Amino acid sequence: MAKKGVSNRIESEIKKLYSKQAMIISAIVIVIGVGVYFGYFYFYAASECSNIECYENALNGCNKVWVLNEDDTYVWKYEILGDNNKGICDVEVELIKIKEGKIDAEGLERKTMVCNVNTNNKYPEKDMISCSGVLREEFQEIIIDRMHDYILQNLGEISNKLKQI
């Protein structure tokens, strides 16, 4: 007798799973999920630029794109985050790789900063005054340490030049 009651409950639950309401609710949840997924990539995710000219053109309209910029010393990633409502684009800058340089800068790889970039200054790392973040702070620390070392190494020469003034 107990087996018959259990099997009736199982059959009842299976019928509920296949009811029209359950199917409609499942379809709505799936459609909403797919919509959110594609909406994110359409409205929020940055698309890749294949060259620096593409990035420069996107910067004029603050269009969300990202590009790798490589020079003799560094590989940078620029990602335009959007307009900051002041007519200036917010650009996240990441130091991807140090190709050539001193060993004290190796800890900067994969660090980021956000810069306020206008169309006159397309390369944020050239003028870090408008930037904030870990990358900028650690760059400043390295520069200060190097200046300190330079002053200590050349203290005699600096002293002589100051006496001449």
N, C-alpha and C. Protein backbone atom coordinates (compact mmCIF):
# COMPACT_ATOMS: atom_id res chain seq x y z
N MET A 1 0.81 -1.18 0.00
CA MET A 1 0.00 0.00 0.00
C MET A 1 0.87 1.27 0.00
N ALA A 2 1.96 1.25 0.79
CA ALA A 2 2.84 2.40 0.86
C ALA A 2 3.51 2.66 -0.48
N LYS A 3 3.80 1.58 -1.21
CA LYS A 3 4.45 1.74 -2.51
C LYS A 3 3.53 2.44 -3.50
N LYS A 4 2.23 2.15 -3.42
CA LYS A 4 1.28 2.74 -4.34
C LYS A 4 1.16 4.25 -4.08
N GLY A 5 1.17 4.67 -2.81
CA GLY A 5 1.08 6.09 -2.45
C GLY A 5 2.30 6.87 -2.92
N VAL A 6 3.47 6.26 -2.81
CA VAL A 6 4.71 6.89 -3.25
C VAL A 6 4.71 7.06 -4.76
N SER A 7 4.27 6.02 -5.47
CA SER A 7 4.29 6.10 -6.93
C SER A 7 3.26 7.12 -7.42
N ASN A 8 2.14 7.28 -6.71
CA ASN A 8 1.16 8.30 -7.09
C ASN A 8 1.74 9.70 -6.90
N ARG A 9 2.49 9.91 -5.83
CA ARG A 9 3.12 11.21 -5.59
C ARG A 9 4.16 11.51 -6.66
N ILE A 10 4.93 10.51 -7.05
CA ILE A 10 5.95 10.69 -8.09
C ILE A 10 5.28 11.06 -9.41
N GLU A 11 4.21 10.33 -9.75
CA GLU A 11 3.48 10.64 -10.99
C GLU A 11 2.93 12.05 -10.95
N SER A 12 2.42 12.46 -9.81
CA SER A 12 1.87 13.80 -9.64
C SER A 12 2.96 14.87 -9.84
N GLU A 13 4.13 14.64 -9.26
CA GLU A 13 5.25 15.59 -9.41
C GLU A 13 5.73 15.67 -10.85
N ILE A 14 5.77 14.54 -11.54
CA ILE A 14 6.19 14.52 -12.95
C ILE A 14 5.20 15.31 -13.79
N LYS A 15 3.91 15.15 -13.54
CA LYS A 15 2.90 15.90 -14.28
C LYS A 15 3.08 17.40 -14.05
N LYS A 16 3.42 17.80 -12.81
CA LYS A 16 3.63 19.23 -12.51
C LYS A 16 4.82 19.77 -13.31
N LEU A 17 5.88 18.95 -13.42
CA LEU A 17 7.06 19.37 -14.16
C LEU A 17 6.75 19.63 -15.62
N TYR A 18 5.86 18.85 -16.19
CA TYR A 18 5.54 18.98 -17.61
C TYR A 18 4.29 19.81 -17.87
N SER A 19 3.80 20.51 -16.88
CA SER A 19 2.62 21.33 -17.06
C SER A 19 2.95 22.53 -17.95
N LYS A 20 1.95 23.14 -18.54
CA LYS A 20 2.14 24.29 -19.43
C LYS A 20 2.75 25.47 -18.68
N GLN A 21 2.32 25.69 -17.46
CA GLN A 21 2.86 26.81 -16.67
C GLN A 21 4.36 26.64 -16.45
N ALA A 22 4.78 25.45 -16.08
CA ALA A 22 6.20 25.21 -15.83
C ALA A 22 7.01 25.41 -17.10
N MET A 23 6.48 24.96 -18.23
CA MET A 23 7.18 25.12 -19.50
C MET A 23 7.31 26.60 -19.87
N ILE A 24 6.24 27.36 -19.68
CA ILE A 24 6.27 28.79 -20.01
C ILE A 24 7.25 29.52 -19.10
N ILE A 25 7.22 29.24 -17.81
CA ILE A 25 8.15 29.89 -16.87
C ILE A 25 9.59 29.54 -17.23
N SER A 26 9.86 28.30 -17.57
CA SER A 26 11.21 27.89 -17.96
C SER A 26 11.66 28.62 -19.21
N ALA A 27 10.78 28.75 -20.18
CA ALA A 27 11.12 29.45 -21.42
C ALA A 27 11.42 30.92 -21.14
N ILE A 28 10.62 31.55 -20.28
CA ILE A 28 10.84 32.96 -19.93
C ILE A 28 12.19 33.14 -19.24
N VAL A 29 12.51 32.27 -18.31
CA VAL A 29 13.80 32.35 -17.60
C VAL A 29 14.95 32.19 -18.59
N ILE A 30 14.84 31.28 -19.52
CA ILE A 30 15.91 31.07 -20.51
C ILE A 30 16.06 32.30 -21.41
N VAL A 31 14.96 32.86 -21.88
CA VAL A 31 15.01 34.05 -22.74
C VAL A 31 15.63 35.22 -22.00
N ILE A 32 15.25 35.42 -20.75
CA ILE A 32 15.83 36.52 -19.95
C ILE A 32 17.33 36.29 -19.77
N GLY A 33 17.73 35.08 -19.46
CA GLY A 33 19.16 34.77 -19.28
C GLY A 33 19.96 35.03 -20.54
N VAL A 34 19.46 34.60 -21.67
CA VAL A 34 20.15 34.84 -22.95
C VAL A 34 20.20 36.33 -23.25
N GLY A 35 19.11 37.04 -22.96
CA GLY A 35 19.08 38.49 -23.17
C GLY A 35 20.11 39.23 -22.33
N VAL A 36 20.21 38.85 -21.07
CA VAL A 36 21.20 39.47 -20.18
C VAL A 36 22.62 39.18 -20.67
N TYR A 37 22.87 37.97 -21.08
CA TYR A 37 24.20 37.57 -21.56
C TYR A 37 24.60 38.40 -22.78
N PHE A 38 23.75 38.46 -23.78
CA PHE A 38 24.08 39.22 -24.98
C PHE A 38 24.04 40.72 -24.75
N GLY A 39 23.15 41.18 -23.88
CA GLY A 39 23.10 42.59 -23.54
C GLY A 39 24.39 43.06 -22.89
N TYR A 40 24.96 42.24 -22.05
CA TYR A 40 26.24 42.59 -21.42
C TYR A 40 27.30 42.82 -22.48
N PHE A 41 27.43 41.90 -23.42
CA PHE A 41 28.46 42.03 -24.43
C PHE A 41 28.18 43.17 -25.39
N TYR A 42 26.91 43.49 -25.62
CA TYR A 42 26.58 44.56 -26.55
C TYR A 42 26.78 45.94 -25.90
N PHE A 43 26.33 46.09 -24.65
CA PHE A 43 26.34 47.40 -24.01
C PHE A 43 27.56 47.66 -23.13
N TYR A 44 28.13 46.63 -22.53
CA TYR A 44 29.16 46.86 -21.51
C TYR A 44 30.55 46.38 -21.89
N ALA A 45 30.67 45.31 -22.59
CA ALA A 45 31.99 44.76 -22.88
C ALA A 45 32.66 45.54 -24.00
N ALA A 46 33.95 45.71 -23.87
CA ALA A 46 34.73 46.40 -24.89
C ALA A 46 35.13 45.42 -25.98
N SER A 47 35.10 45.89 -27.21
CA SER A 47 35.54 45.04 -28.31
C SER A 47 37.01 45.32 -28.60
N GLU A 48 37.65 44.39 -29.25
CA GLU A 48 39.09 44.49 -29.50
C GLU A 48 39.37 45.32 -30.75
N CYS A 49 40.37 46.18 -30.66
CA CYS A 49 40.89 46.90 -31.82
C CYS A 49 42.13 46.16 -32.31
N SER A 50 42.27 46.08 -33.60
CA SER A 50 43.42 45.36 -34.15
C SER A 50 44.66 46.23 -34.26
N ASN A 51 44.49 47.56 -34.17
CA ASN A 51 45.66 48.45 -34.27
C ASN A 51 45.40 49.74 -33.49
N ILE A 52 46.44 50.53 -33.34
CA ILE A 52 46.35 51.74 -32.51
C ILE A 52 45.48 52.81 -33.15
N GLU A 53 45.39 52.82 -34.48
CA GLU A 53 44.53 53.79 -35.17
C GLU A 53 43.06 53.56 -34.80
N CYS A 54 42.67 52.31 -34.68
CA CYS A 54 41.31 51.97 -34.27
C CYS A 54 41.03 52.53 -32.88
N TYR A 55 41.98 52.38 -31.97
CA TYR A 55 41.85 52.92 -30.62
C TYR A 55 41.73 54.44 -30.66
N GLU A 56 42.57 55.10 -31.46
CA GLU A 56 42.53 56.56 -31.54
C GLU A 56 41.18 57.04 -32.08
N ASN A 57 40.64 56.36 -33.07
CA ASN A 57 39.32 56.73 -33.59
C ASN A 57 38.23 56.50 -32.55
N ALA A 58 38.32 55.40 -31.82
CA ALA A 58 37.33 55.11 -30.78
C ALA A 58 37.40 56.12 -29.65
N LEU A 59 38.60 56.63 -29.38
CA LEU A 59 38.79 57.60 -28.31
C LEU A 59 38.03 58.89 -28.60
N ASN A 60 37.91 59.26 -29.86
CA ASN A 60 37.18 60.48 -30.22
C ASN A 60 35.72 60.42 -29.77
N GLY A 61 35.12 59.24 -29.75
CA GLY A 61 33.74 59.10 -29.32
C GLY A 61 33.59 58.36 -28.00
N CYS A 62 34.69 58.08 -27.33
CA CYS A 62 34.70 57.30 -26.09
C CYS A 62 34.00 55.95 -26.26
N ASN A 63 34.20 55.32 -27.40
CA ASN A 63 33.62 54.01 -27.66
C ASN A 63 34.43 52.95 -26.93
N LYS A 64 33.74 51.98 -26.35
CA LYS A 64 34.39 50.96 -25.53
C LYS A 64 35.13 49.96 -26.40
N VAL A 65 36.45 50.10 -26.42
CA VAL A 65 37.33 49.18 -27.14
C VAL A 65 38.57 48.97 -26.30
N TRP A 66 39.36 47.97 -26.68
CA TRP A 66 40.66 47.78 -26.06
C TRP A 66 41.68 47.44 -27.14
N VAL A 67 42.94 47.78 -26.86
CA VAL A 67 44.01 47.53 -27.81
C VAL A 67 45.32 47.33 -27.04
N LEU A 68 46.22 46.58 -27.63
CA LEU A 68 47.57 46.45 -27.09
C LEU A 68 48.47 47.43 -27.83
N ASN A 69 49.26 48.18 -27.08
CA ASN A 69 50.21 49.13 -27.67
C ASN A 69 51.60 48.73 -27.21
N GLU A 70 52.46 48.49 -28.16
CA GLU A 70 53.79 47.98 -27.86
C GLU A 70 54.83 49.00 -28.31
N ASP A 71 55.78 49.33 -27.41
CA ASP A 71 56.92 50.16 -27.80
C ASP A 71 58.20 49.38 -27.49
N ASP A 72 59.33 50.05 -27.50
CA ASP A 72 60.60 49.35 -27.30
C ASP A 72 60.74 48.77 -25.90
N THR A 73 60.07 49.36 -24.92
CA THR A 73 60.27 48.97 -23.53
C THR A 73 59.09 48.22 -22.93
N TYR A 74 57.87 48.61 -23.29
CA TYR A 74 56.69 48.08 -22.63
C TYR A 74 55.63 47.58 -23.62
N VAL A 75 54.75 46.72 -23.10
CA VAL A 75 53.52 46.36 -23.80
C VAL A 75 52.38 46.83 -22.90
N TRP A 76 51.55 47.76 -23.41
CA TRP A 76 50.45 48.34 -22.66
C TRP A 76 49.12 47.84 -23.22
N LYS A 77 48.14 47.74 -22.35
CA LYS A 77 46.77 47.49 -22.80
C LYS A 77 45.95 48.70 -22.41
N TYR A 78 45.30 49.32 -23.40
CA TYR A 78 44.39 50.43 -23.15
C TYR A 78 42.97 49.92 -23.34
N GLU A 79 42.11 50.17 -22.37
CA GLU A 79 40.69 49.84 -22.52
C GLU A 79 39.87 51.08 -22.20
N ILE A 80 39.14 51.55 -23.21
CA ILE A 80 38.30 52.72 -23.02
C ILE A 80 37.06 52.28 -22.25
N LEU A 81 36.87 52.85 -21.06
CA LEU A 81 35.75 52.48 -20.20
C LEU A 81 34.50 53.27 -20.52
N GLY A 82 34.68 54.47 -21.07
CA GLY A 82 33.53 55.31 -21.42
C GLY A 82 33.79 56.75 -21.03
N ASP A 83 32.79 57.59 -21.28
CA ASP A 83 32.85 59.01 -20.99
C ASP A 83 32.57 59.23 -19.51
N ASN A 84 33.36 60.09 -18.86
CA ASN A 84 33.15 60.34 -17.43
C ASN A 84 32.27 61.56 -17.17
N ASN A 85 31.47 61.92 -18.17
CA ASN A 85 30.52 63.04 -18.10
C ASN A 85 31.19 64.40 -17.99
N LYS A 86 32.47 64.47 -18.28
CA LYS A 86 33.19 65.74 -18.31
C LYS A 86 33.79 65.95 -19.70
N GLY A 87 33.34 65.16 -20.66
CA GLY A 87 33.88 65.26 -22.01
C GLY A 87 35.23 64.60 -22.16
N ILE A 88 35.61 63.82 -21.18
CA ILE A 88 36.91 63.14 -21.19
C ILE A 88 36.66 61.65 -21.01
N CYS A 89 37.43 60.85 -21.71
CA CYS A 89 37.27 59.39 -21.62
C CYS A 89 38.07 58.83 -20.45
N ASP A 90 37.48 57.87 -19.77
CA ASP A 90 38.22 57.09 -18.77
C ASP A 90 38.82 55.90 -19.49
N VAL A 91 40.13 55.75 -19.35
CA VAL A 91 40.84 54.66 -20.00
C VAL A 91 41.60 53.88 -18.94
N GLU A 92 41.34 52.57 -18.88
CA GLU A 92 42.10 51.72 -17.98
C GLU A 92 43.38 51.30 -18.70
N VAL A 93 44.50 51.51 -18.04
CA VAL A 93 45.80 51.18 -18.62
C VAL A 93 46.40 50.05 -17.79
N GLU A 94 46.81 49.00 -18.47
CA GLU A 94 47.45 47.87 -17.81
C GLU A 94 48.82 47.67 -18.43
N LEU A 95 49.82 47.52 -17.58
CA LEU A 95 51.16 47.20 -18.06
C LEU A 95 51.24 45.68 -18.20
N ILE A 96 51.19 45.22 -19.43
CA ILE A 96 51.16 43.79 -19.71
C ILE A 96 52.54 43.17 -19.52
N LYS A 97 53.56 43.82 -20.10
CA LYS A 97 54.90 43.24 -20.06
C LYS A 97 55.97 44.31 -20.15
N ILE A 98 57.05 44.10 -19.42
CA ILE A 98 58.22 44.96 -19.52
C ILE A 98 59.23 44.22 -20.38
N LYS A 99 59.52 44.76 -21.55
CA LYS A 99 60.41 44.10 -22.49
C LYS A 99 61.87 44.42 -22.18
N GLU A 100 62.11 45.64 -21.71
CA GLU A 100 63.47 46.07 -21.45
C GLU A 100 63.42 47.07 -20.30
N GLY A 101 64.27 46.90 -19.34
CA GLY A 101 64.27 47.84 -18.23
C GLY A 101 64.93 47.23 -17.00
N LYS A 102 64.92 48.01 -15.94
CA LYS A 102 65.54 47.56 -14.70
C LYS A 102 64.66 46.56 -13.99
N ILE A 103 65.31 45.75 -13.17
CA ILE A 103 64.63 44.66 -12.47
C ILE A 103 63.63 45.18 -11.43
N ASP A 104 63.82 46.40 -10.92
CA ASP A 104 62.91 46.92 -9.91
C ASP A 104 61.52 47.23 -10.46
N ALA A 105 61.39 47.27 -11.77
CA ALA A 105 60.09 47.56 -12.39
C ALA A 105 59.29 46.31 -12.74
N GLU A 106 59.86 45.14 -12.56
CA GLU A 106 59.17 43.91 -12.94
C GLU A 106 57.88 43.67 -12.15
N GLY A 107 57.81 44.18 -10.95
CA GLY A 107 56.60 44.02 -10.15
C GLY A 107 55.42 44.82 -10.66
N LEU A 108 55.64 45.66 -11.66
CA LEU A 108 54.57 46.48 -12.21
C LEU A 108 53.71 45.73 -13.22
N GLU A 109 54.22 44.63 -13.73
CA GLU A 109 53.46 43.88 -14.73
C GLU A 109 52.12 43.44 -14.16
N ARG A 110 51.08 43.59 -14.99
CA ARG A 110 49.69 43.23 -14.67
C ARG A 110 49.03 44.21 -13.70
N LYS A 111 49.67 45.32 -13.39
CA LYS A 111 49.06 46.36 -12.55
C LYS A 111 48.31 47.34 -13.46
N THR A 112 47.29 48.00 -12.90
CA THR A 112 46.47 48.90 -13.70
C THR A 112 46.33 50.26 -13.05
N MET A 113 45.89 51.21 -13.88
CA MET A 113 45.52 52.54 -13.43
C MET A 113 44.43 53.04 -14.38
N VAL A 114 43.63 53.96 -13.92
CA VAL A 114 42.59 54.57 -14.75
C VAL A 114 43.00 56.01 -14.99
N CYS A 115 42.97 56.40 -16.28
CA CYS A 115 43.41 57.74 -16.66
C CYS A 115 42.27 58.49 -17.34
N ASN A 116 42.24 59.80 -17.11
CA ASN A 116 41.32 60.68 -17.84
C ASN A 116 42.05 61.12 -19.10
N VAL A 117 41.56 60.69 -20.24
CA VAL A 117 42.26 60.90 -21.51
C VAL A 117 41.40 61.75 -22.43
N ASN A 118 42.00 62.79 -22.99
CA ASN A 118 41.30 63.56 -24.02
C ASN A 118 41.95 63.27 -25.38
N THR A 119 41.42 63.85 -26.40
CA THR A 119 41.92 63.54 -27.74
C THR A 119 43.31 64.12 -28.00
N ASN A 120 43.76 65.05 -27.17
CA ASN A 120 45.11 65.61 -27.34
C ASN A 120 46.18 64.68 -26.78
N ASN A 121 45.84 63.91 -25.76
CA ASN A 121 46.80 63.02 -25.11
C ASN A 121 46.28 61.59 -25.23
N LYS A 122 46.58 60.94 -26.33
CA LYS A 122 46.02 59.61 -26.60
C LYS A 122 46.75 58.50 -25.86
N TYR A 123 47.95 58.75 -25.37
CA TYR A 123 48.75 57.72 -24.73
C TYR A 123 48.91 58.06 -23.26
N PRO A 124 48.08 57.48 -22.41
CA PRO A 124 47.99 57.88 -21.00
C PRO A 124 49.29 57.75 -20.23
N GLU A 125 50.13 56.79 -20.55
CA GLU A 125 51.36 56.59 -19.78
C GLU A 125 52.36 57.71 -19.99
N LYS A 126 52.16 58.54 -21.01
CA LYS A 126 53.07 59.66 -21.27
C LYS A 126 52.86 60.80 -20.27
N ASP A 127 51.65 60.91 -19.73
CA ASP A 127 51.31 61.96 -18.76
C ASP A 127 50.45 61.36 -17.66
N MET A 128 51.11 60.84 -16.64
CA MET A 128 50.39 60.11 -15.60
C MET A 128 49.73 61.01 -14.56
N ILE A 129 49.80 62.32 -14.74
CA ILE A 129 49.17 63.24 -13.81
C ILE A 129 47.66 62.98 -13.74
N SER A 130 47.07 62.63 -14.88
CA SER A 130 45.62 62.43 -14.93
C SER A 130 45.21 61.00 -14.58
N CYS A 131 46.12 60.22 -14.03
CA CYS A 131 45.85 58.82 -13.74
C CYS A 131 45.79 58.58 -12.23
N SER A 132 45.10 57.50 -11.87
CA SER A 132 45.09 57.07 -10.47
C SER A 132 45.03 55.55 -10.45
N GLY A 133 45.65 54.98 -9.46
CA GLY A 133 45.63 53.53 -9.33
C GLY A 133 46.97 52.99 -8.89
N VAL A 134 47.01 51.71 -8.71
CA VAL A 134 48.20 51.02 -8.19
C VAL A 134 49.40 51.20 -9.11
N LEU A 135 49.18 51.10 -10.41
CA LEU A 135 50.29 51.22 -11.36
C LEU A 135 50.97 52.59 -11.25
N ARG A 136 50.19 53.65 -11.19
CA ARG A 136 50.78 54.99 -11.07
C ARG A 136 51.55 55.14 -9.76
N GLU A 137 50.95 54.69 -8.68
CA GLU A 137 51.60 54.82 -7.37
C GLU A 137 52.92 54.07 -7.33
N GLU A 138 52.94 52.86 -7.87
CA GLU A 138 54.18 52.08 -7.85
C GLU A 138 55.22 52.64 -8.80
N PHE A 139 54.80 53.21 -9.94
CA PHE A 139 55.74 53.91 -10.83
C PHE A 139 56.39 55.07 -10.08
N GLN A 140 55.58 55.84 -9.35
CA GLN A 140 56.11 56.97 -8.60
C GLN A 140 57.11 56.52 -7.54
N GLU A 141 56.81 55.43 -6.86
CA GLU A 141 57.74 54.92 -5.85
C GLU A 141 59.08 54.55 -6.48
N ILE A 142 59.04 53.91 -7.63
CA ILE A 142 60.28 53.51 -8.31
C ILE A 142 61.07 54.75 -8.73
N ILE A 143 60.38 55.75 -9.27
CA ILE A 143 61.06 56.98 -9.69
C ILE A 143 61.71 57.67 -8.49
N ILE A 144 61.00 57.76 -7.38
CA ILE A 144 61.55 58.39 -6.17
C ILE A 144 62.76 57.61 -5.67
N ASP A 145 62.65 56.28 -5.64
CA ASP A 145 63.79 55.46 -5.20
C ASP A 145 65.00 55.64 -6.11
N ARG A 146 64.77 55.71 -7.42
CA ARG A 146 65.89 55.91 -8.36
C ARG A 146 66.52 57.28 -8.19
N MET A 147 65.67 58.30 -7.97
CA MET A 147 66.22 59.65 -7.74
C MET A 147 67.04 59.68 -6.45
N HIS A 148 66.56 59.02 -5.42
CA HIS A 148 67.28 58.95 -4.16
C HIS A 148 68.63 58.29 -4.35
N ASP A 149 68.65 57.16 -5.06
CA ASP A 149 69.91 56.46 -5.33
C ASP A 149 70.86 57.33 -6.15
N TYR A 150 70.32 58.04 -7.14
CA TYR A 150 71.14 58.91 -7.97
C TYR A 150 71.77 60.03 -7.15
N ILE A 151 70.98 60.62 -6.27
CA ILE A 151 71.49 61.70 -5.43
C ILE A 151 72.60 61.18 -4.51
N LEU A 152 72.39 60.01 -3.91
CA LEU A 152 73.40 59.45 -3.02
C LEU A 152 74.69 59.12 -3.78
N GLN A 153 74.57 58.60 -4.99
CA GLN A 153 75.74 58.23 -5.77
C GLN A 153 76.50 59.46 -6.27
N ASN A 154 75.80 60.56 -6.45
CA ASN A 154 76.42 61.75 -7.03
C ASN A 154 76.42 62.92 -6.06
N LEU A 155 76.42 62.63 -4.78
CA LEU A 155 76.34 63.68 -3.76
C LEU A 155 77.49 64.68 -3.85
N GLY A 156 78.67 64.19 -4.06
CA GLY A 156 79.83 65.08 -4.17
C GLY A 156 79.72 66.00 -5.35
N GLU A 157 79.35 65.49 -6.48
CA GLU A 157 79.21 66.29 -7.69
C GLU A 157 78.08 67.31 -7.56
N ILE A 158 76.99 66.90 -6.96
CA ILE A 158 75.86 67.80 -6.75
C ILE A 158 76.25 68.91 -5.78
N SER A 159 76.99 68.56 -4.74
CA SER A 159 77.45 69.56 -3.76
C SER A 159 78.35 70.59 -4.43
N ASN A 160 79.28 70.14 -5.28
CA ASN A 160 80.16 71.06 -5.98
C ASN A 160 79.37 72.00 -6.89
N LYS A 161 78.38 71.50 -7.58
CA LYS A 161 77.58 72.33 -8.47
C LYS A 161 76.76 73.33 -7.68
N LEU A 162 76.26 72.94 -6.51
CA LEU A 162 75.50 73.87 -5.68
C LEU A 162 76.39 74.99 -5.13
N LYS A 163 77.66 74.68 -4.86
CA LYS A 163 78.60 75.70 -4.36
C LYS A 163 78.90 76.72 -5.43
N GLN A 164 78.85 76.29 -6.69
CA GLN A 164 79.14 77.18 -7.81
C GLN A 164 77.99 78.18 -8.06
N ILE A 165 76.84 77.84 -7.58
CA ILE A 165 75.67 78.71 -7.82
C ILE A 165 75.67 79.85 -6.90
